Amino acid sequence: MAITELGRLFRLSSPLTWDEGLRILERDRYTCQYCGLDGLRNFENSLIMTVDFVVPRSKKGKKDSGNLVAACRPCNVLKGNRHVFASFEEAKEYVLKRRTALHQEWEGRVARLRGTSSATA
């Protein structure tokens, strides 16, 4: 697979060209700037890498390198576009808190399901 074909697998926001998006991913070394997921570690990780507008386009975020970061798809979705953060650090704190809360909820559901399935087995 040629590098240009591989680049098309990454989800990039439409106002970015493939080259612009790939430059951001390469600048950030395919590492999610929110959770630290390493997109260079394996192919599966690289497939979920995106480029995030820290200040969303819908909130007048600009297409400049200071407003663009590499982000894994889960962090990009968790951050969403509903909030405008005063800084990248504030956005990162929000994303990490949401991830932690969702992880705890998931663990509780999984524990209940495992308890239920082991009782019926």
C-alpha atoms as a PDB file:
ATOM      1  CA  MET A   1       0.000   0.000   0.000  1.00  0.00           C
ATOM      2  CA  ALA A   2       1.497   3.331  -1.021  1.00  0.00           C
ATOM      3  CA  ILE A   3       1.836   6.036   1.622  1.00  0.00           C
ATOM      4  CA  THR A   4      -0.753   8.161  -0.212  1.00  0.00           C
ATOM      5  CA  GLU A   5      -3.226   5.268  -0.050  1.00  0.00           C
ATOM      6  CA  LEU A   6      -2.466   4.776   3.648  1.00  0.00           C
ATOM      7  CA  GLY A   7      -3.108   8.461   4.230  1.00  0.00           C
ATOM      8  CA  ARG A   8      -6.615   8.103   2.880  1.00  0.00           C
ATOM      9  CA  LEU A   9      -7.423   5.661   5.682  1.00  0.00           C
ATOM     10  CA  PHE A  10      -7.032   8.402   8.288  1.00  0.00           C
ATOM     11  CA  ARG A  11     -10.120  10.429   9.056  1.00  0.00           C
ATOM     12  CA  LEU A  12      -9.321  14.063   8.545  1.00  0.00           C
ATOM     13  CA  SER A  13     -11.715  16.955   8.848  1.00  0.00           C
ATOM     14  CA  SER A  14     -12.846  18.064   5.420  1.00  0.00           C
ATOM     15  CA  PRO A  15     -11.272  21.534   5.375  1.00  0.00           C
ATOM     16  CA  LEU A  16      -7.838  19.916   5.610  1.00  0.00           C
ATOM     17  CA  THR A  17      -6.125  18.496   2.602  1.00  0.00           C
ATOM     18  CA  TRP A  18      -4.568  15.056   3.000  1.00  0.00           C
ATOM     19  CA  ASP A  19      -1.124  16.644   2.984  1.00  0.00           C
ATOM     20  CA  GLU A  20      -2.081  19.146   5.703  1.00  0.00           C
ATOM     21  CA  GLY A  21      -3.513  16.394   7.887  1.00  0.00           C
ATOM     22  CA  LEU A  22      -0.534  14.126   7.375  1.00  0.00           C
ATOM     23  CA  ARG A  23       1.813  16.993   8.301  1.00  0.00           C
ATOM     24  CA  ILE A  24      -0.029  17.414  11.624  1.00  0.00           C
ATOM     25  CA  LEU A  25       0.037  13.653  12.299  1.00  0.00           C
ATOM     26  CA  GLU A  26       3.734  13.527  11.475  1.00  0.00           C
ATOM     27  CA  ARG A  27       4.481  16.654  13.531  1.00  0.00           C
ATOM     28  CA  ASP A  28       2.839  14.968  16.534  1.00  0.00           C
ATOM     29  CA  ARG A  29       4.465  11.629  15.638  1.00  0.00           C
ATOM     30  CA  TYR A  30       1.036   9.958  15.319  1.00  0.00           C
ATOM     31  CA  THR A  31       0.569  10.333  19.083  1.00  0.00           C
ATOM     32  CA  CYS A  32      -2.795  11.361  20.508  1.00  0.00           C
ATOM     33  CA  GLN A  33      -2.175  14.679  22.204  1.00  0.00           C
ATOM     34  CA  TYR A  34      -4.957  13.936  24.698  1.00  0.00           C
ATOM     35  CA  CYS A  35      -4.382  10.377  25.953  1.00  0.00           C
ATOM     36  CA  GLY A  36      -0.970   9.577  24.485  1.00  0.00           C
ATOM     37  CA  LEU A  37      -2.038   6.633  22.297  1.00  0.00           C
ATOM     38  CA  ASP A  38       0.941   5.793  20.086  1.00  0.00           C
ATOM     39  CA  GLY A  39      -0.203   5.535  16.476  1.00  0.00           C
ATOM     40  CA  LEU A  40       3.264   4.376  15.439  1.00  0.00           C
ATOM     41  CA  ARG A  41       3.174   1.382  17.788  1.00  0.00           C
ATOM     42  CA  ASN A  42       1.073  -0.745  15.454  1.00  0.00           C
ATOM     43  CA  PHE A  43      -1.101  -0.546  12.378  1.00  0.00           C
ATOM     44  CA  GLU A  44      -4.383  -0.806  14.330  1.00  0.00           C
ATOM     45  CA  ASN A  45      -3.476   2.255  16.421  1.00  0.00           C
ATOM     46  CA  SER A  46      -2.570   4.210  13.289  1.00  0.00           C
ATOM     47  CA  LEU A  47      -6.008   3.522  11.814  1.00  0.00           C
ATOM     48  CA  ILE A  48      -7.801   5.426  14.572  1.00  0.00           C
ATOM     49  CA  MET A  49      -5.675   8.550  14.386  1.00  0.00           C
ATOM     50  CA  THR A  50      -7.404  11.781  13.351  1.00  0.00           C
ATOM     51  CA  VAL A  51      -6.652  15.478  13.359  1.00  0.00           C
ATOM     52  CA  ASP A  52      -8.625  17.508  15.898  1.00  0.00           C
ATOM     53  CA  PHE A  53      -9.467  21.191  15.840  1.00  0.00           C
ATOM     54  CA  VAL A  54      -8.825  22.243  19.467  1.00  0.00           C
ATOM     55  CA  VAL A  55     -11.265  25.101  18.966  1.00  0.00           C
ATOM     56  CA  PRO A  56     -13.888  23.425  16.751  1.00  0.00           C
ATOM     57  CA  ARG A  57     -14.618  24.798  13.306  1.00  0.00           C
ATOM     58  CA  SER A  58     -18.236  25.206  14.395  1.00  0.00           C
ATOM     59  CA  LYS A  59     -17.000  27.613  17.082  1.00  0.00           C
ATOM     60  CA  LYS A  60     -14.859  29.643  14.669  1.00  0.00           C
ATOM     61  CA  GLY A  61     -11.729  27.534  15.131  1.00  0.00           C
ATOM     62  CA  LYS A  62      -9.043  28.323  12.593  1.00  0.00           C
ATOM     63  CA  LYS A  63      -7.207  25.943  10.311  1.00  0.00           C
ATOM     64  CA  ASP A  64      -3.754  26.792  11.603  1.00  0.00           C
ATOM     65  CA  SER A  65      -1.175  24.445  13.063  1.00  0.00           C
ATOM     66  CA  GLY A  66      -1.606  25.942  16.547  1.00  0.00           C
ATOM     67  CA  ASN A  67      -5.254  24.835  16.570  1.00  0.00           C
ATOM     68  CA  LEU A  68      -4.679  21.365  15.110  1.00  0.00           C
ATOM     69  CA  VAL A  69      -3.484  18.294  17.005  1.00  0.00           C
ATOM     70  CA  ALA A  70      -3.228  14.580  16.385  1.00  0.00           C
ATOM     71  CA  ALA A  71      -5.952  12.764  18.309  1.00  0.00           C
ATOM     72  CA  CYS A  72      -7.189   9.211  18.454  1.00  0.00           C
ATOM     73  CA  ARG A  73     -10.783   8.884  17.323  1.00  0.00           C
ATOM     74  CA  PRO A  74     -12.126   8.125  20.845  1.00  0.00           C
ATOM     75  CA  CYS A  75     -10.582  11.298  22.312  1.00  0.00           C
ATOM     76  CA  ASN A  76     -11.725  13.350  19.333  1.00  0.00           C
ATOM     77  CA  VAL A  77     -15.294  12.104  19.796  1.00  0.00           C
ATOM     78  CA  LEU A  78     -15.211  12.631  23.581  1.00  0.00           C
ATOM     79  CA  LYS A  79     -14.024  16.204  23.179  1.00  0.00           C
ATOM     80  CA  GLY A  80     -16.686  16.867  20.596  1.00  0.00           C
ATOM     81  CA  ASN A  81     -17.528  20.350  19.397  1.00  0.00           C
ATOM     82  CA  ARG A  82     -19.989  21.537  22.032  1.00  0.00           C
ATOM     83  CA  HIS A  83     -17.453  23.264  24.255  1.00  0.00           C
ATOM     84  CA  VAL A  84     -14.914  25.979  23.653  1.00  0.00           C
ATOM     85  CA  PHE A  85     -11.929  25.565  25.911  1.00  0.00           C
ATOM     86  CA  ALA A  86      -9.688  28.414  27.001  1.00  0.00           C
ATOM     87  CA  SER A  87      -6.613  26.353  26.162  1.00  0.00           C
ATOM     88  CA  PHE A  88      -5.457  23.003  24.875  1.00  0.00           C
ATOM     89  CA  GLU A  89      -4.598  22.025  28.476  1.00  0.00           C
ATOM     90  CA  GLU A  90      -8.220  22.659  29.515  1.00  0.00           C
ATOM     91  CA  ALA A  91      -9.488  20.539  26.606  1.00  0.00           C
ATOM     92  CA  LYS A  92      -7.050  17.755  27.506  1.00  0.00           C
ATOM     93  CA  GLU A  93      -8.145  17.814  31.158  1.00  0.00           C
ATOM     94  CA  TYR A  94     -11.789  17.534  30.060  1.00  0.00           C
ATOM     95  CA  VAL A  95     -11.085  14.612  27.725  1.00  0.00           C
ATOM     96  CA  LEU A  96      -9.050  12.703  30.324  1.00  0.00           C
ATOM     97  CA  LYS A  97     -11.745  13.183  32.995  1.00  0.00           C
ATOM     98  CA  ARG A  98     -14.425  11.946  30.564  1.00  0.00           C
ATOM     99  CA  ARG A  99     -12.290   8.920  29.659  1.00  0.00           C
ATOM    100  CA  THR A 100     -11.805   8.091  33.352  1.00  0.00           C
ATOM    101  CA  ALA A 101     -15.529   8.420  34.124  1.00  0.00           C
ATOM    102  CA  LEU A 102     -16.528   6.304  31.123  1.00  0.00           C
ATOM    103  CA  HIS A 103     -13.898   3.692  31.997  1.00  0.00           C
ATOM    104  CA  GLN A 104     -15.280   3.403  35.530  1.00  0.00           C
ATOM    105  CA  GLU A 105     -18.839   3.057  34.222  1.00  0.00           C
ATOM    106  CA  TRP A 106     -17.673   0.403  31.753  1.00  0.00           C
ATOM    107  CA  GLU A 107     -15.887  -1.556  34.492  1.00  0.00           C
ATOM    108  CA  GLY A 108     -19.073  -1.557  36.588  1.00  0.00           C
ATOM    109  CA  ARG A 109     -21.172  -2.827  33.685  1.00  0.00           C
ATOM    110  CA  VAL A 110     -18.640  -5.501  32.788  1.00  0.00           C
ATOM    111  CA  ALA A 111     -18.389  -6.644  36.408  1.00  0.00           C
ATOM    112  CA  ARG A 112     -22.195  -6.970  36.621  1.00  0.00           C
ATOM    113  CA  LEU A 113     -22.354  -8.865  33.338  1.00  0.00           C
ATOM    114  CA  ARG A 114     -19.577 -11.214  34.381  1.00  0.00           C
ATOM    115  CA  GLY A 115     -21.291 -11.786  37.707  1.00  0.00           C
ATOM    116  CA  THR A 116     -24.585 -12.549  35.947  1.00  0.00           C
ATOM    117  CA  SER A 117     -23.061 -14.841  33.359  1.00  0.00           C
ATOM    118  CA  SER A 118     -21.004 -16.791  35.914  1.00  0.00           C
ATOM    119  CA  ALA A 119     -24.116 -17.287  38.089  1.00  0.00           C
ATOM    120  CA  THR A 120     -26.053 -18.797  35.189  1.00  0.00           C
ATOM    121  CA  ALA A 121     -23.207 -20.899  33.801  1.00  0.00           C
END
